[in-house]
Amino acid sequence: MNAIGIDVGGSKTVIGLVDTVSGRVDRTVRLETPARARAGSDFLRRVADEARALSADAAVPLGVGICEAVDTAGEIVSAHRVPWTTAELRAAFSFAPALTIDSDVRAAAVAEACFGVGRGLGDWLYANAGTGIASVVMRGAVPYLGCRGRAMGLGMSHLVEEDARREPLSVEDIAGGAGMLARARAAGLAVPSVAALIAEAEANEPGAHGVVAGAGALLGRALGFLANVLDPEVVVLGGGMPSASPTYLAACRRALDASLWRPAPLCPELRVAGLGPESGLVGAALLAAPQEKGAAPA
């Protein structure tokens, strides 16, 4: 069965036609997610036009994974990065016979459970590290939602030191791509983008390396905190950062290992998402065809 998946991320939005039985992505369109002030109705209309073109006017169900909080009723309840409402999405994608909306981190985790490194796991933890940071607790292929659907806010948590103004910093402020770039520039580094910052870090430029390694280490400690509380079988790390930056990933892994209090044989393994940057896209398509989730080959 084919479905359209739309992965709305902090830096890019990907629209794709996905075979939900195999997880194969047949065709994709990638758009830069504009700044929040320009990510409103015009951008939504453009995304909808691309999705309609991919469906070729066939009756193809559509799923949207968005980098916002989505409650247990499927309503978007935040506008931190993309100011879309559920009603606006229903209107924009009215050409689809079925529309399902969820947070991008949960969509990505479901994809990993069906086709990636989460297959066959019982209780496990998934985290996205990209422009922002989010996490979800999984039982098999089913995300834990919490009582309001907001059990995904690791990135918004204030687990770190105060800044110079004595204001608390969130995990995302330090470990997310946008936060890394802001901190690098505040430190006087002339880097035009996160990609440039990572390139300098991988070339061992001291300032950039410190920012990126520090970001990975902070995320590792945060994941270690969750692992100590939740005792997951495995921690899966997805999003753009672990695949883009070996420095970030290595620092995250070291900090996670150092943060775990159980003896080594009982510590959860850290795995990098098997579907890489396609996790969110495939998961968004699976949202629209939930009956196919169990059809992935063993």
Protein backbone atom coordinates (compact mmCIF):
# COMPACT_ATOMS: atom_id res chain seq x y z
CA MET A 1 0.00 0.00 0.00
CA ASN A 2 1.29 3.47 -0.85
CA ALA A 3 0.88 6.53 1.35
CA ILE A 4 2.17 10.07 1.26
CA GLY A 5 4.42 10.96 4.17
CA ILE A 6 5.31 14.53 5.10
CA ASP A 7 8.12 15.11 7.58
CA VAL A 8 8.00 18.74 8.72
CA GLY A 9 11.30 19.46 10.46
CA GLY A 10 13.01 22.50 11.85
CA SER A 11 15.36 22.91 8.88
CA LYS A 12 13.75 20.93 6.07
CA THR A 13 10.41 19.48 5.05
CA VAL A 14 10.33 16.26 3.06
CA ILE A 15 7.31 14.98 1.13
CA GLY A 16 7.47 11.42 -0.17
CA LEU A 17 5.54 8.50 -1.60
CA VAL A 18 6.19 5.48 0.60
CA ASP A 19 5.38 1.78 0.25
CA THR A 20 4.12 1.14 3.78
CA VAL A 21 4.52 -2.64 3.46
CA SER A 22 8.26 -2.53 2.71
CA GLY A 23 9.17 0.95 3.97
CA ARG A 24 10.62 1.81 0.56
CA VAL A 25 10.60 5.49 -0.36
CA ASP A 26 9.74 5.83 -4.04
CA ARG A 27 9.83 9.58 -4.69
CA THR A 28 10.61 12.61 -2.55
CA VAL A 29 10.53 16.39 -2.66
CA ARG A 30 12.69 18.34 -0.20
CA LEU A 31 11.94 21.92 0.80
CA GLU A 32 13.74 24.21 3.17
CA THR A 33 11.52 24.95 6.16
CA PRO A 34 11.49 28.75 6.24
CA ALA A 35 11.86 30.89 9.33
CA ARG A 36 8.81 30.74 11.58
CA ALA A 37 7.50 34.11 10.38
CA ARG A 38 7.40 32.73 6.80
CA ALA A 39 6.29 29.18 7.60
CA GLY A 40 2.58 29.90 7.65
CA SER A 41 -0.21 29.49 5.11
CA ASP A 42 1.87 30.12 1.99
CA PHE A 43 4.39 27.46 2.93
CA LEU A 44 1.62 25.03 3.87
CA ARG A 45 0.01 25.61 0.47
CA ARG A 46 3.31 24.84 -1.25
CA VAL A 47 3.73 21.61 0.74
CA ALA A 48 0.16 20.59 -0.12
CA ASP A 49 0.74 21.27 -3.81
CA GLU A 50 3.83 19.04 -3.78
CA ALA A 51 1.95 16.28 -1.97
CA ARG A 52 -0.93 16.43 -4.45
CA ALA A 53 1.53 16.17 -7.34
CA LEU A 54 3.20 13.11 -5.79
CA SER A 55 -0.14 11.38 -5.34
CA ALA A 56 -0.88 11.91 -9.05
CA ASP A 57 -4.54 12.50 -8.14
CA ALA A 58 -4.87 8.95 -6.80
CA ALA A 59 -6.73 8.29 -3.55
CA VAL A 60 -3.61 8.00 -1.41
CA PRO A 61 -3.79 8.42 2.40
CA LEU A 62 -1.51 11.05 3.88
CA GLY A 63 0.35 11.34 7.17
CA VAL A 64 2.09 14.40 8.60
CA GLY A 65 4.83 14.26 11.21
CA ILE A 66 5.44 17.78 12.50
CA CYS A 67 8.08 19.21 14.82
CA GLU A 68 5.45 20.36 17.29
CA ALA A 69 3.50 18.87 20.17
CA VAL A 70 0.40 16.90 19.13
CA ASP A 71 -2.09 15.82 21.77
CA THR A 72 -3.90 12.52 22.20
CA ALA A 73 -6.74 13.71 19.93
CA GLY A 74 -4.37 14.51 17.05
CA GLU A 75 -4.55 18.26 17.58
CA ILE A 76 -1.40 20.36 17.15
CA VAL A 77 -0.97 22.16 20.47
CA SER A 78 2.24 24.15 19.97
CA ALA A 79 3.65 26.53 17.39
CA HIS A 80 7.28 26.63 18.51
CA ARG A 81 8.71 26.31 14.99
CA VAL A 82 5.88 25.90 12.44
CA PRO A 83 2.63 27.84 13.13
CA TRP A 84 0.16 25.40 11.58
CA THR A 85 -3.10 24.28 13.15
CA THR A 86 -4.81 20.95 12.69
CA ALA A 87 -7.77 22.68 11.03
CA GLU A 88 -5.45 24.33 8.51
CA LEU A 89 -3.85 20.97 7.68
CA ARG A 90 -7.25 19.34 7.19
CA ALA A 91 -8.22 22.07 4.75
CA ALA A 92 -4.90 22.03 2.88
CA PHE A 93 -4.87 18.24 2.48
CA SER A 94 -8.59 17.80 1.84
CA PHE A 95 -7.72 15.99 -1.42
CA ALA A 96 -6.41 13.00 0.60
CA PRO A 97 -8.97 10.33 1.55
CA ALA A 98 -7.44 10.07 5.02
CA LEU A 99 -5.18 12.40 7.02
CA THR A 100 -3.28 11.55 10.20
CA ILE A 101 -1.13 14.01 12.16
CA ASP A 102 1.41 13.35 14.90
CA SER A 103 4.66 14.68 16.27
CA ASP A 104 7.65 13.95 14.07
CA VAL A 105 9.59 12.20 16.84
CA ARG A 106 6.81 9.65 17.34
CA ALA A 107 6.51 9.09 13.60
CA ALA A 108 10.25 8.45 13.32
CA ALA A 109 10.21 6.07 16.26
CA VAL A 110 7.38 4.03 14.74
CA ALA A 111 9.34 3.76 11.48
CA GLU A 112 12.39 2.48 13.38
CA ALA A 113 10.18 -0.04 15.16
CA CYS A 114 8.83 -1.34 11.87
CA PHE A 115 11.82 -1.16 9.54
CA GLY A 116 14.87 0.06 11.49
CA VAL A 117 16.95 -0.74 14.55
CA GLY A 118 13.92 -0.76 16.86
CA ARG A 119 12.49 -3.92 15.31
CA GLY A 120 11.80 -6.64 17.85
CA LEU A 121 12.45 -4.43 20.87
CA GLY A 122 10.18 -4.32 23.90
CA ASP A 123 10.72 -1.22 26.06
CA TRP A 124 13.06 1.27 24.43
CA LEU A 125 13.77 4.95 24.06
CA TYR A 126 13.98 6.98 20.85
CA ALA A 127 15.45 10.48 20.60
CA ASN A 128 15.70 12.87 17.64
CA ALA A 129 18.71 15.18 17.50
CA GLY A 130 18.42 17.72 14.71
CA THR A 131 17.53 21.40 14.67
CA GLY A 132 15.73 20.60 17.91
CA ILE A 133 15.65 17.73 20.40
CA ALA A 134 12.73 15.45 21.24
CA SER A 135 12.25 11.97 22.65
CA VAL A 136 9.63 9.28 23.08
CA VAL A 137 9.32 6.13 25.15
CA MET A 138 8.36 3.10 23.09
CA ARG A 139 6.78 -0.25 23.92
CA GLY A 140 7.33 -2.27 20.79
CA ALA A 141 5.97 -0.11 17.96
CA VAL A 142 3.63 1.89 20.21
CA PRO A 143 4.69 5.32 21.53
CA TYR A 144 3.86 6.30 25.08
CA LEU A 145 1.82 9.51 24.78
CA GLY A 146 1.34 10.57 28.38
CA CYS A 147 -1.99 11.88 29.65
CA ARG A 148 -1.96 14.88 27.27
CA GLY A 149 0.19 13.60 24.42
CA ARG A 150 3.22 15.64 25.50
CA ALA A 151 5.55 12.86 26.61
CA MET A 152 8.23 14.02 24.16
CA GLY A 153 9.73 17.12 25.76
CA LEU A 154 13.31 16.13 26.62
CA GLY A 155 14.56 19.04 24.53
CA MET A 156 12.47 21.57 26.43
CA SER A 157 13.67 20.34 29.82
CA HIS A 158 15.95 22.55 31.91
CA LEU A 159 18.59 20.04 32.91
CA VAL A 160 21.60 22.26 32.35
CA GLU A 161 23.45 25.23 33.78
CA GLU A 162 22.17 28.80 33.73
CA ASP A 163 23.51 31.20 31.12
CA ALA A 164 25.27 34.48 31.85
CA ARG A 165 21.92 36.17 32.49
CA ARG A 166 21.09 33.55 35.16
CA GLU A 167 18.34 32.13 32.99
CA PRO A 168 17.91 28.36 32.71
CA LEU A 169 18.91 26.68 29.48
CA SER A 170 17.09 23.74 27.96
CA VAL A 171 18.68 20.62 26.51
CA GLU A 172 17.67 21.90 23.06
CA ASP A 173 19.38 25.26 23.69
CA ILE A 174 22.70 23.43 23.84
CA ALA A 175 22.32 20.09 22.03
CA GLY A 176 20.02 21.09 19.13
CA GLY A 177 21.42 22.38 15.86
CA ALA A 178 19.91 25.86 16.24
CA GLY A 179 21.22 26.16 19.78
CA MET A 180 24.68 24.99 18.73
CA LEU A 181 24.85 27.61 16.00
CA ALA A 182 23.73 30.36 18.38
CA ARG A 183 26.32 29.35 20.97
CA ALA A 184 29.08 29.18 18.37
CA ARG A 185 28.29 32.67 17.14
CA ALA A 186 28.09 33.98 20.69
CA ALA A 187 31.58 32.59 21.19
CA GLY A 188 32.81 34.60 18.21
CA LEU A 189 32.91 31.86 15.59
CA ALA A 190 32.10 33.11 12.08
CA VAL A 191 30.03 30.11 10.96
CA PRO A 192 27.16 30.68 8.49
CA SER A 193 25.32 27.43 9.19
CA VAL A 194 25.15 24.29 11.32
CA ALA A 195 26.76 22.37 8.45
CA ALA A 196 29.71 24.76 8.45
CA LEU A 197 30.02 24.47 12.23
CA ILE A 198 30.08 20.68 11.98
CA ALA A 199 32.66 20.78 9.18
CA GLU A 200 34.96 22.88 11.34
CA ALA A 201 34.40 20.58 14.31
CA GLU A 202 35.27 17.49 12.24
CA ALA A 203 38.41 19.31 11.08
CA ASN A 204 39.32 19.72 14.78
CA GLU A 205 39.02 23.50 14.84
CA PRO A 206 39.12 23.96 18.62
CA GLY A 207 36.24 26.38 19.09
CA ALA A 208 33.83 24.50 16.83
CA HIS A 209 34.92 21.14 18.19
CA GLY A 210 34.20 22.30 21.72
CA VAL A 211 30.69 23.50 20.85
CA VAL A 212 29.74 20.32 18.96
CA ALA A 213 31.32 17.91 21.44
CA GLY A 214 29.73 19.78 24.33
CA ALA A 215 26.34 19.54 22.65
CA GLY A 216 26.67 15.80 22.13
CA ALA A 217 27.83 15.30 25.69
CA LEU A 218 24.90 17.23 27.11
CA LEU A 219 22.46 15.11 25.13
CA GLY A 220 24.24 11.96 26.31
CA ARG A 221 23.82 13.01 29.94
CA ALA A 222 20.15 13.81 29.36
CA LEU A 223 19.60 10.42 27.75
CA GLY A 224 21.45 8.82 30.63
CA PHE A 225 19.07 10.52 33.05
CA LEU A 226 16.10 9.09 31.14
CA ALA A 227 17.71 5.67 30.91
CA ASN A 228 18.31 5.57 34.67
CA VAL A 229 14.66 6.44 35.29
CA LEU A 230 13.05 4.28 32.59
CA ASP A 231 15.45 1.31 32.23
CA PRO A 232 15.05 0.91 28.43
CA GLU A 233 16.39 -2.08 26.56
CA VAL A 234 17.99 0.17 23.91
CA VAL A 235 18.38 3.90 23.25
CA VAL A 236 17.97 4.79 19.56
CA LEU A 237 19.29 8.14 18.36
CA GLY A 238 17.93 9.59 15.13
CA GLY A 239 17.78 12.96 13.42
CA GLY A 240 20.45 14.70 11.40
CA MET A 241 23.13 15.23 14.05
CA PRO A 242 24.37 11.68 14.73
CA SER A 243 24.82 10.93 11.03
CA ALA A 244 26.31 14.34 10.20
CA SER A 245 28.82 14.59 13.02
CA PRO A 246 30.98 11.72 14.37
CA THR A 247 32.20 14.18 17.00
CA TYR A 248 28.67 14.78 18.27
CA LEU A 249 27.81 11.07 18.26
CA ALA A 250 31.01 9.99 20.01
CA ALA A 251 30.57 12.62 22.73
CA CYS A 252 26.94 11.59 23.20
CA ARG A 253 27.88 7.93 23.49
CA ARG A 254 30.64 8.59 26.03
CA ALA A 255 28.44 10.81 28.17
CA LEU A 256 25.56 8.33 28.09
CA ASP A 257 27.84 5.50 29.19
CA ALA A 258 29.30 7.63 31.98
CA SER A 259 25.83 8.63 33.21
CA LEU A 260 24.44 5.12 33.63
CA TRP A 261 24.63 3.73 37.14
CA ARG A 262 23.93 0.06 36.42
CA PRO A 263 26.76 -2.46 35.87
CA ALA A 264 27.91 -2.52 32.24
CA PRO A 265 26.09 -5.72 31.15
CA LEU A 266 22.79 -4.14 32.19
CA CYS A 267 23.32 -0.80 30.47
CA PRO A 268 21.20 -0.02 27.39
CA GLU A 269 22.97 0.00 24.05
CA LEU A 270 22.98 3.22 22.02
CA ARG A 271 21.99 2.58 18.41
CA VAL A 272 21.91 5.07 15.55
CA ALA A 273 18.60 5.06 13.67
CA GLY A 274 18.73 2.53 10.85
CA LEU A 275 16.63 4.58 8.44
CA GLY A 276 18.77 7.67 8.94
CA PRO A 277 17.12 10.88 7.76
CA GLU A 278 14.22 8.91 6.22
CA SER A 279 12.84 7.75 9.60
CA GLY A 280 10.49 10.71 9.93
CA LEU A 281 9.24 10.47 6.35
CA VAL A 282 8.57 6.73 6.50
CA GLY A 283 6.94 7.10 9.90
CA ALA A 284 4.66 9.87 8.66
CA ALA A 285 3.45 7.57 5.88
CA LEU A 286 2.89 4.77 8.41
CA LEU A 287 0.67 7.10 10.40
CA ALA A 288 -1.70 7.10 7.45
CA ALA A 289 -1.66 3.31 7.05
CA PRO A 290 -1.45 1.86 10.57
CA GLN A 291 -2.83 -1.48 9.47
CA GLU A 292 0.40 -2.05 7.54
CA LYS A 293 2.75 -1.66 10.51
CA GLY A 294 2.86 -5.33 11.27
CA ALA A 295 3.48 -6.24 7.65
CA ALA A 296 7.21 -5.47 7.68
CA PRO A 297 9.28 -8.56 6.97
CA ALA A 298 10.93 -10.17 10.00
